[in-house]
PDB file of N, CA and C in Angstrom:
ATOM      1  N   MET A   1     100.695 -14.161  98.152  1.00  0.00           N
ATOM      2  CA  MET A   1      99.960 -13.195  98.976  1.00  0.00           C
ATOM      3  C   MET A   1     100.522 -13.150 100.382  1.00  0.00           C
ATOM      4  N   ARG A   2     101.177 -14.189 100.848  1.00  0.00           N
ATOM      5  CA  ARG A   2     101.723 -14.188 102.210  1.00  0.00           C
ATOM      6  C   ARG A   2     102.789 -13.137 102.383  1.00  0.00           C
ATOM      7  N   SER A   3     103.628 -12.916 101.357  1.00  0.00           N
ATOM      8  CA  SER A   3     104.645 -11.886 101.506  1.00  0.00           C
ATOM      9  C   SER A   3     104.047 -10.504 101.604  1.00  0.00           C
ATOM     10  N   HIS A   4     102.910 -10.284 100.932  1.00  0.00           N
ATOM     11  CA  HIS A   4     102.227  -8.978 101.041  1.00  0.00           C
ATOM     12  C   HIS A   4     101.736  -8.774 102.451  1.00  0.00           C
ATOM     13  N   LEU A   5     101.142  -9.816 103.036  1.00  0.00           N
ATOM     14  CA  LEU A   5     100.633  -9.739 104.379  1.00  0.00           C
ATOM     15  C   LEU A   5     101.745  -9.490 105.388  1.00  0.00           C
ATOM     16  N   LEU A   6     102.871 -10.163 105.195  1.00  0.00           N
ATOM     17  CA  LEU A   6     104.031  -9.957 106.058  1.00  0.00           C
ATOM     18  C   LEU A   6     104.543  -8.533 105.949  1.00  0.00           C
ATOM     19  N   ARG A   7     104.666  -8.006 104.722  1.00  0.00           N
ATOM     20  CA  ARG A   7     105.092  -6.634 104.509  1.00  0.00           C
ATOM     21  C   ARG A   7     104.164  -5.631 105.180  1.00  0.00           C
ATOM     22  N   LEU A   8     102.851  -5.886 105.032  1.00  0.00           N
ATOM     23  CA  LEU A   8     101.861  -4.990 105.653  1.00  0.00           C
ATOM     24  C   LEU A   8     102.001  -5.003 107.178  1.00  0.00           C
ATOM     25  N   ARG A   9     102.072  -6.142 107.777  1.00  0.00           N
ATOM     26  CA  ARG A   9     102.125  -6.217 109.232  1.00  0.00           C
ATOM     27  C   ARG A   9     103.459  -5.717 109.793  1.00  0.00           C
ATOM     28  N   VAL A  10     104.559  -6.055 109.153  1.00  0.00           N
ATOM     29  CA  VAL A  10     105.860  -5.552 109.601  1.00  0.00           C
ATOM     30  C   VAL A  10     105.950  -4.056 109.417  1.00  0.00           C
ATOM     31  N   GLY A  11     105.447  -3.582 108.271  1.00  0.00           N
ATOM     32  CA  GLY A  11     105.486  -2.138 108.023  1.00  0.00           C
ATOM     33  C   GLY A  11     104.690  -1.347 109.051  1.00  0.00           C
ATOM     34  N   MET A  12     103.498  -1.828 109.370  1.00  0.00           N
ATOM     35  CA  MET A  12     102.682  -1.159 110.353  1.00  0.00           C
ATOM     36  C   MET A  12     103.303  -1.207 111.728  1.00  0.00           C
ATOM     37  N   LEU A  13     103.928  -2.342 112.069  1.00  0.00           N
ATOM     38  CA  LEU A  13     104.639  -2.454 113.335  1.00  0.00           C
ATOM     39  C   LEU A  13     105.791  -1.468 113.428  1.00  0.00           C
ATOM     40  N   LEU A  14     106.518  -1.317 112.342  1.00  0.00           N
ATOM     41  CA  LEU A  14     107.650  -0.356 112.322  1.00  0.00           C
ATOM     42  C   LEU A  14     107.135   1.087 112.471  1.00  0.00           C
ATOM     43  N   ILE A  15     106.024   1.396 111.829  1.00  0.00           N
ATOM     44  CA  ILE A  15     105.453   2.738 111.936  1.00  0.00           C
ATOM     45  C   ILE A  15     105.054   3.001 113.403  1.00  0.00           C
ATOM     46  N   VAL A  16     104.391   2.047 114.020  1.00  0.00           N
ATOM     47  CA  VAL A  16     103.972   2.235 115.420  1.00  0.00           C
ATOM     48  C   VAL A  16     105.206   2.371 116.325  1.00  0.00           C
ATOM     49  N   LEU A  17     106.214   1.530 116.112  1.00  0.00           N
ATOM     50  CA  LEU A  17     107.420   1.603 116.936  1.00  0.00           C
ATOM     51  C   LEU A  17     108.169   2.932 116.727  1.00  0.00           C
ATOM     52  N   SER A  18     108.044   3.489 115.540  1.00  0.00           N
ATOM     53  CA  SER A  18     108.760   4.768 115.312  1.00  0.00           C
ATOM     54  C   SER A  18     108.112   5.909 116.109  1.00  0.00           C
ATOM     55  N   TRP A  19     106.864   5.753 116.562  1.00  0.00           N
ATOM     56  CA  TRP A  19     106.199   6.769 117.337  1.00  0.00           C
ATOM     57  C   TRP A  19     106.307   6.543 118.837  1.00  0.00           C
ATOM     58  N   PHE A  20     106.781   5.391 119.243  1.00  0.00           N
ATOM     59  CA  PHE A  20     106.954   5.069 120.666  1.00  0.00           C
ATOM     60  C   PHE A  20     108.021   5.948 121.272  1.00  0.00           C
ATOM     61  N   PRO A  21     107.843   6.477 122.478  1.00  0.00           N
ATOM     62  CA  PRO A  21     108.801   7.428 123.050  1.00  0.00           C
ATOM     63  C   PRO A  21     110.050   6.750 123.641  1.00  0.00           C
ATOM     64  N   PHE A  22     110.786   6.045 122.829  1.00  0.00           N
ATOM     65  CA  PHE A  22     111.977   5.381 123.283  1.00  0.00           C
ATOM     66  C   PHE A  22     113.015   6.353 123.855  1.00  0.00           C
ATOM     67  N   ALA A  23     113.153   7.514 123.207  1.00  0.00           N
ATOM     68  CA  ALA A  23     114.169   8.486 123.649  1.00  0.00           C
ATOM     69  C   ALA A  23     113.915   8.874 125.101  1.00  0.00           C
ATOM     70  N   GLN A  24     112.722   9.238 125.433  1.00  0.00           N
ATOM     71  CA  GLN A  24     112.417   9.701 126.808  1.00  0.00           C
ATOM     72  C   GLN A  24     112.647   8.595 127.822  1.00  0.00           C
ATOM     73  N   ILE A  25     112.234   7.392 127.487  1.00  0.00           N
ATOM     74  CA  ILE A  25     112.400   6.264 128.408  1.00  0.00           C
ATOM     75  C   ILE A  25     113.880   5.949 128.594  1.00  0.00           C
ATOM     76  N   MET A  26     114.634   5.944 127.534  1.00  0.00           N
ATOM     77  CA  MET A  26     116.038   5.612 127.633  1.00  0.00           C
ATOM     78  C   MET A  26     116.815   6.740 128.355  1.00  0.00           C
ATOM     79  N   ILE A  27     116.411   7.964 128.122  1.00  0.00           N
ATOM     80  CA  ILE A  27     117.062   9.113 128.832  1.00  0.00           C
ATOM     81  C   ILE A  27     116.781   9.026 130.331  1.00  0.00           C
ATOM     82  N   HIS A  28     115.549   8.697 130.686  1.00  0.00           N
ATOM     83  CA  HIS A  28     115.219   8.582 132.082  1.00  0.00           C
ATOM     84  C   HIS A  28     116.030   7.495 132.765  1.00  0.00           C
ATOM     85  N   VAL A  29     116.145   6.361 132.116  1.00  0.00           N
ATOM     86  CA  VAL A  29     116.906   5.216 132.669  1.00  0.00           C
ATOM     87  C   VAL A  29     118.394   5.626 132.753  1.00  0.00           C
ATOM     88  N   ALA A  30     118.923   6.267 131.704  1.00  0.00           N
ATOM     89  CA  ALA A  30     120.319   6.637 131.703  1.00  0.00           C
ATOM     90  C   ALA A  30     120.627   7.693 132.809  1.00  0.00           C
ATOM     91  N   HIS A  31     119.697   8.648 132.997  1.00  0.00           N
ATOM     92  CA  HIS A  31     119.878   9.626 134.080  1.00  0.00           C
ATOM     93  C   HIS A  31     119.836   8.963 135.452  1.00  0.00           C
ATOM     94  N   THR A  32     118.932   8.022 135.615  1.00  0.00           N
ATOM     95  CA  THR A  32     118.815   7.319 136.890  1.00  0.00           C
ATOM     96  C   THR A  32     120.093   6.523 137.224  1.00  0.00           C
ATOM     97  N   LYS A  33     120.715   5.958 136.213  1.00  0.00           N
ATOM     98  CA  LYS A  33     121.921   5.160 136.429  1.00  0.00           C
ATOM     99  C   LYS A  33     123.183   6.031 136.372  1.00  0.00           C
ATOM    100  N   GLY A  34     123.030   7.344 136.115  1.00  0.00           N
ATOM    101  CA  GLY A  34     124.158   8.231 136.119  1.00  0.00           C
ATOM    102  C   GLY A  34     124.971   8.193 134.836  1.00  0.00           C
ATOM    103  N   MET A  35     124.432   7.703 133.745  1.00  0.00           N
ATOM    104  CA  MET A  35     125.185   7.600 132.509  1.00  0.00           C
ATOM    105  C   MET A  35     125.134   8.898 131.670  1.00  0.00           C
ATOM    106  N   LEU A  36     124.037   9.599 131.744  1.00  0.00           N
ATOM    107  CA  LEU A  36     123.960  10.897 131.038  1.00  0.00           C
ATOM    108  C   LEU A  36     123.998  11.967 132.121  1.00  0.00           C
ATOM    109  N   THR A  37     125.058  12.783 132.072  1.00  0.00           N
ATOM    110  CA  THR A  37     125.268  13.730 133.172  1.00  0.00           C
ATOM    111  C   THR A  37     125.041  15.195 132.741  1.00  0.00           C
ATOM    112  N   SER A  38     125.058  15.500 131.463  1.00  0.00           N
ATOM    113  CA  SER A  38     124.915  16.883 131.055  1.00  0.00           C
ATOM    114  C   SER A  38     123.750  17.031 130.084  1.00  0.00           C
ATOM    115  N   ASP A  39     123.294  18.267 129.927  1.00  0.00           N
ATOM    116  CA  ASP A  39     122.220  18.552 128.968  1.00  0.00           C
ATOM    117  C   ASP A  39     122.707  18.333 127.527  1.00  0.00           C
ATOM    118  N   LYS A  40     123.980  18.592 127.278  1.00  0.00           N
ATOM    119  CA  LYS A  40     124.511  18.428 125.933  1.00  0.00           C
ATOM    120  C   LYS A  40     124.523  16.941 125.527  1.00  0.00           C
ATOM    121  N   SER A  41     124.941  16.072 126.451  1.00  0.00           N
ATOM    122  CA  SER A  41     124.953  14.660 126.125  1.00  0.00           C
ATOM    123  C   SER A  41     123.531  14.093 125.986  1.00  0.00           C
ATOM    124  N   THR A  42     122.598  14.626 126.794  1.00  0.00           N
ATOM    125  CA  THR A  42     121.221  14.222 126.698  1.00  0.00           C
ATOM    126  C   THR A  42     120.623  14.620 125.333  1.00  0.00           C
ATOM    127  N   THR A  43     120.903  15.833 124.904  1.00  0.00           N
ATOM    128  CA  THR A  43     120.398  16.294 123.604  1.00  0.00           C
ATOM    129  C   THR A  43     120.988  15.458 122.481  1.00  0.00           C
ATOM    130  N   ALA A  44     122.273  15.193 122.517  1.00  0.00           N
ATOM    131  CA  ALA A  44     122.898  14.366 121.457  1.00  0.00           C
ATOM    132  C   ALA A  44     122.313  12.977 121.433  1.00  0.00           C
ATOM    133  N   PHE A  45     122.107  12.393 122.597  1.00  0.00           N
ATOM    134  CA  PHE A  45     121.496  11.058 122.694  1.00  0.00           C
ATOM    135  C   PHE A  45     120.082  11.060 122.104  1.00  0.00           C
ATOM    136  N   ARG A  46     119.309  12.082 122.492  1.00  0.00           N
ATOM    137  CA  ARG A  46     117.924  12.196 122.019  1.00  0.00           C
ATOM    138  C   ARG A  46     117.904  12.281 120.485  1.00  0.00           C
ATOM    139  N   LEU A  47     118.792  13.101 119.897  1.00  0.00           N
ATOM    140  CA  LEU A  47     118.827  13.287 118.434  1.00  0.00           C
ATOM    141  C   LEU A  47     119.219  11.973 117.728  1.00  0.00           C
ATOM    142  N   VAL A  48     120.134  11.207 118.310  1.00  0.00           N
ATOM    143  CA  VAL A  48     120.486   9.921 117.708  1.00  0.00           C
ATOM    144  C   VAL A  48     119.312   8.952 117.728  1.00  0.00           C
ATOM    145  N   VAL A  49     118.631   8.856 118.860  1.00  0.00           N
ATOM    146  CA  VAL A  49     117.476   7.965 118.961  1.00  0.00           C
ATOM    147  C   VAL A  49     116.370   8.407 118.025  1.00  0.00           C
ATOM    148  N   TRP A  50     116.104   9.720 117.930  1.00  0.00           N
ATOM    149  CA  TRP A  50     115.086  10.217 117.020  1.00  0.00           C
ATOM    150  C   TRP A  50     115.478   9.922 115.563  1.00  0.00           C
ATOM    151  N   GLY A  51     116.733  10.066 115.240  1.00  0.00           N
ATOM    152  CA  GLY A  51     117.162   9.732 113.895  1.00  0.00           C
ATOM    153  C   GLY A  51     116.931   8.270 113.525  1.00  0.00           C
ATOM    154  N   ILE A  52     117.216   7.394 114.464  1.00  0.00           N
ATOM    155  CA  ILE A  52     116.959   5.961 114.253  1.00  0.00           C
ATOM    156  C   ILE A  52     115.463   5.714 114.088  1.00  0.00           C
ATOM    157  N   GLN A  53     114.657   6.378 114.923  1.00  0.00           N
ATOM    158  CA  GLN A  53     113.198   6.173 114.826  1.00  0.00           C
ATOM    159  C   GLN A  53     112.653   6.702 113.486  1.00  0.00           C
ATOM    160  N   ILE A  54     113.198   7.768 112.981  1.00  0.00           N
ATOM    161  CA  ILE A  54     112.745   8.309 111.699  1.00  0.00           C
ATOM    162  C   ILE A  54     113.046   7.301 110.589  1.00  0.00           C
ATOM    163  N   VAL A  55     114.237   6.735 110.598  1.00  0.00           N
ATOM    164  CA  VAL A  55     114.597   5.739 109.599  1.00  0.00           C
ATOM    165  C   VAL A  55     113.690   4.519 109.730  1.00  0.00           C
ATOM    166  N   VAL A  56     113.434   4.041 110.918  1.00  0.00           N
ATOM    167  CA  VAL A  56     112.522   2.913 111.133  1.00  0.00           C
ATOM    168  C   VAL A  56     111.125   3.217 110.574  1.00  0.00           C
ATOM    169  N   GLY A  57     110.637   4.394 110.863  1.00  0.00           N
ATOM    170  CA  GLY A  57     109.314   4.790 110.369  1.00  0.00           C
ATOM    171  C   GLY A  57     109.263   4.859 108.840  1.00  0.00           C
ATOM    172  N   LEU A  58     110.291   5.414 108.235  1.00  0.00           N
ATOM    173  CA  LEU A  58     110.355   5.485 106.779  1.00  0.00           C
ATOM    174  C   LEU A  58     110.388   4.111 106.133  1.00  0.00           C
ATOM    175  N   VAL A  59     111.121   3.194 106.725  1.00  0.00           N
ATOM    176  CA  VAL A  59     111.120   1.808 106.210  1.00  0.00           C
ATOM    177  C   VAL A  59     109.729   1.215 106.302  1.00  0.00           C
ATOM    178  N   GLY A  60     109.016   1.463 107.436  1.00  0.00           N
ATOM    179  CA  GLY A  60     107.644   0.989 107.581  1.00  0.00           C
ATOM    180  C   GLY A  60     106.713   1.566 106.543  1.00  0.00           C
ATOM    181  N   VAL A  61     106.857   2.863 106.285  1.00  0.00           N
ATOM    182  CA  VAL A  61     106.004   3.497 105.257  1.00  0.00           C
ATOM    183  C   VAL A  61     106.326   2.913 103.887  1.00  0.00           C
ATOM    184  N   TRP A  62     107.573   2.655 103.610  1.00  0.00           N
ATOM    185  CA  TRP A  62     107.963   2.061 102.347  1.00  0.00           C
ATOM    186  C   TRP A  62     107.330   0.657 102.178  1.00  0.00           C
ATOM    187  N   LEU A  63     107.397  -0.158 103.232  1.00  0.00           N
ATOM    188  CA  LEU A  63     106.812  -1.490 103.158  1.00  0.00           C
ATOM    189  C   LEU A  63     105.295  -1.447 102.985  1.00  0.00           C
ATOM    190  N   VAL A  64     104.630  -0.653 103.773  1.00  0.00           N
ATOM    191  CA  VAL A  64     103.178  -0.537 103.668  1.00  0.00           C
ATOM    192  C   VAL A  64     102.765   0.139 102.386  1.00  0.00           C
ATOM    193  N   GLY A  65     103.563   1.080 101.924  1.00  0.00           N
ATOM    194  CA  GLY A  65     103.242   1.807 100.698  1.00  0.00           C
ATOM    195  C   GLY A  65     103.211   0.907  99.471  1.00  0.00           C
ATOM    196  N   ARG A  66     104.140  -0.039  99.405  1.00  0.00           N
ATOM    197  CA  ARG A  66     104.132  -0.973  98.284  1.00  0.00           C
ATOM    198  C   ARG A  66     102.855  -1.793  98.241  1.00  0.00           C
ATOM    199  N   VAL A  67     102.457  -2.295  99.418  1.00  0.00           N
ATOM    200  CA  VAL A  67     101.219  -3.106  99.505  1.00  0.00           C
ATOM    201  C   VAL A  67     100.007  -2.189  99.172  1.00  0.00           C
ATOM    202  N   ALA A  68     100.012  -0.966  99.671  1.00  0.00           N
ATOM    203  CA  ALA A  68      98.859  -0.074  99.441  1.00  0.00           C
ATOM    204  C   ALA A  68      98.719   0.260  97.956  1.00  0.00           C
ATOM    205  N   VAL A  69      99.816   0.499  97.278  1.00  0.00           N
ATOM    206  CA  VAL A  69      99.739   0.814  95.835  1.00  0.00           C
ATOM    207  C   VAL A  69      99.216  -0.413  95.082  1.00  0.00           C
ATOM    208  N   GLU A  70      99.678  -1.599  95.420  1.00  0.00           N
ATOM    209  CA  GLU A  70      99.185  -2.803  94.759  1.00  0.00           C
ATOM    210  C   GLU A  70      97.701  -3.007  94.986  1.00  0.00           C
ATOM    211  N   GLU A  71      97.237  -2.770  96.232  1.00  0.00           N
ATOM    212  CA  GLU A  71      95.816  -2.900  96.537  1.00  0.00           C
ATOM    213  C   GLU A  71      95.008  -1.860  95.792  1.00  0.00           C
ATOM    214  N   ALA A  72      95.512  -0.627  95.714  1.00  0.00           N
ATOM    215  CA  ALA A  72      94.790   0.461  95.048  1.00  0.00           C
ATOM    216  C   ALA A  72      94.640   0.156  93.548  1.00  0.00           C
ATOM    217  N   LYS A  73      95.645  -0.454  92.974  1.00  0.00           N
ATOM    218  CA  LYS A  73      95.561  -0.835  91.553  1.00  0.00           C
ATOM    219  C   LYS A  73      94.506  -1.914  91.342  1.00  0.00           C
ATOM    220  N   ARG A  74      94.349  -2.819  92.329  1.00  0.00           N
ATOM    221  CA  ARG A  74      93.349  -3.864  92.206  1.00  0.00           C
ATOM    222  C   ARG A  74      91.921  -3.382  92.438  1.00  0.00           C
ATOM    223  N   SER A  75      91.743  -2.573  93.489  1.00  0.00           N
ATOM    224  CA  SER A  75      90.355  -2.220  93.899  1.00  0.00           C
ATOM    225  C   SER A  75      90.018  -0.759  93.891  1.00  0.00           C
ATOM    226  N   GLY A  76      90.945   0.108  93.572  1.00  0.00           N
ATOM    227  CA  GLY A  76      90.683   1.542  93.589  1.00  0.00           C
ATOM    228  C   GLY A  76      91.071   2.174  94.885  1.00  0.00           C
ATOM    229  N   TRP A  77      91.376   3.473  94.813  1.00  0.00           N
ATOM    230  CA  TRP A  77      91.857   4.192  96.015  1.00  0.00           C
ATOM    231  C   TRP A  77      90.808   4.311  97.085  1.00  0.00           C
ATOM    232  N   ARG A  78      89.549   4.379  96.719  1.00  0.00           N
ATOM    233  CA  ARG A  78      88.491   4.537  97.752  1.00  0.00           C
ATOM    234  C   ARG A  78      88.363   3.315  98.635  1.00  0.00           C
ATOM    235  N   ARG A  79      88.577   2.150  98.090  1.00  0.00           N
ATOM    236  CA  ARG A  79      88.407   0.910  98.894  1.00  0.00           C
ATOM    237  C   ARG A  79      89.708   0.446  99.557  1.00  0.00           C
ATOM    238  N   THR A  80      90.805   1.077  99.239  1.00  0.00           N
ATOM    239  CA  THR A  80      92.108   0.615  99.731  1.00  0.00           C
ATOM    240  C   THR A  80      92.244   0.639 101.253  1.00  0.00           C
ATOM    241  N   PRO A  81      91.864   1.711 101.976  1.00  0.00           N
ATOM    242  CA  PRO A  81      92.042   1.677 103.439  1.00  0.00           C
ATOM    243  C   PRO A  81      91.288   0.533 104.104  1.00  0.00           C
ATOM    244  N   GLY A  82      90.060   0.281 103.699  1.00  0.00           N
ATOM    245  CA  GLY A  82      89.295  -0.817 104.270  1.00  0.00           C
ATOM    246  C   GLY A  82      89.875  -2.153 103.944  1.00  0.00           C
ATOM    247  N   ARG A  83      90.337  -2.349 102.726  1.00  0.00           N
ATOM    248  CA  ARG A  83      90.951  -3.609 102.353  1.00  0.00           C
ATOM    249  C   ARG A  83      92.281  -3.848 103.101  1.00  0.00           C
ATOM    250  N   LEU A  84      93.048  -2.798 103.265  1.00  0.00           N
ATOM    251  CA  LEU A  84      94.297  -2.946 104.003  1.00  0.00           C
ATOM    252  C   LEU A  84      94.032  -3.308 105.453  1.00  0.00           C
ATOM    253  N   TRP A  85      92.993  -2.701 106.021  1.00  0.00           N
ATOM    254  CA  TRP A  85      92.667  -2.986 107.414  1.00  0.00           C
ATOM    255  C   TRP A  85      92.202  -4.437 107.560  1.00  0.00           C
ATOM    256  N   ARG A  86      91.398  -4.929 106.638  1.00  0.00           N
ATOM    257  CA  ARG A  86      90.955  -6.329 106.667  1.00  0.00           C
ATOM    258  C   ARG A  86      92.127  -7.289 106.449  1.00  0.00           C
ATOM    259  N   LEU A  87      93.010  -6.915 105.534  1.00  0.00           N
ATOM    260  CA  LEU A  87      94.210  -7.753 105.328  1.00  0.00           C
ATOM    261  C   LEU A  87      95.068  -7.796 106.586  1.00  0.00           C
ATOM    262  N   PHE A  88      95.210  -6.672 107.254  1.00  0.00           N
ATOM    263  CA  PHE A  88      96.032  -6.622 108.456  1.00  0.00           C
ATOM    264  C   PHE A  88      95.436  -7.498 109.572  1.00  0.00           C
ATOM    265  N   LEU A  89      94.141  -7.429 109.762  1.00  0.00           N
ATOM    266  CA  LEU A  89      93.492  -8.137 110.839  1.00  0.00           C
ATOM    267  C   LEU A  89      93.274  -9.613 110.566  1.00  0.00           C
ATOM    268  N   ARG A  90      92.766  -9.927 109.352  1.00  0.00           N
ATOM    269  CA  ARG A  90      92.285 -11.293 109.113  1.00  0.00           C
ATOM    270  C   ARG A  90      93.041 -12.037 108.038  1.00  0.00           C
ATOM    271  N   GLY A  91      93.875 -11.357 107.274  1.00  0.00           N
ATOM    272  CA  GLY A  91      94.620 -12.026 106.222  1.00  0.00           C
ATOM    273  C   GLY A  91      93.904 -11.982 104.868  1.00  0.00           C
ATOM    274  N   PRO A  92      94.459 -12.655 103.896  1.00  0.00           N
ATOM    275  CA  PRO A  92      93.926 -12.534 102.521  1.00  0.00           C
ATOM    276  C   PRO A  92      92.557 -13.192 102.333  1.00  0.00           C
ATOM    277  N   GLU A  93      92.178 -14.094 103.212  1.00  0.00           N
ATOM    278  CA  GLU A  93      90.895 -14.775 103.076  1.00  0.00           C
ATOM    279  C   GLU A  93      89.736 -13.807 103.320  1.00  0.00           C
ATOM    280  N   ALA A  94      89.933 -12.821 104.179  1.00  0.00           N
ATOM    281  CA  ALA A  94      88.832 -11.946 104.565  1.00  0.00           C
ATOM    282  C   ALA A  94      88.629 -10.783 103.569  1.00  0.00           C
ATOM    283  N   ALA A  95      89.653 -10.449 102.802  1.00  0.00           N
ATOM    284  CA  ALA A  95      89.548  -9.331 101.868  1.00  0.00           C
ATOM    285  C   ALA A  95      88.784  -9.780 100.643  1.00  0.00           C
ATOM    286  N   PRO A  96      87.651  -9.124 100.301  1.00  0.00           N
ATOM    287  CA  PRO A  96      86.865  -9.550  99.137  1.00  0.00           C
ATOM    288  C   PRO A  96      87.539  -9.181  97.843  1.00  0.00           C
TER     289      PRO A  96
END
């Protein structure tokens, strides 16, 4: 059960990180330091960062999805969100 908990927590962390505005922060820093000088380079940089974030988010969905399907098979789809939330917060001992 520990591997399921690790997959759930890492997957949710990856999903959250995929929504964090890394592109805007990195563009601001790069502009401040004079590394990105044109709109074309800024757009290309933004697209690369967004592409990486999409891949990170999809890996997170894949990790959480495996755990969610296993939980749904055990307890049914209606109880799955609550059970996943309890697993995420408290671990396998708290999930009935």
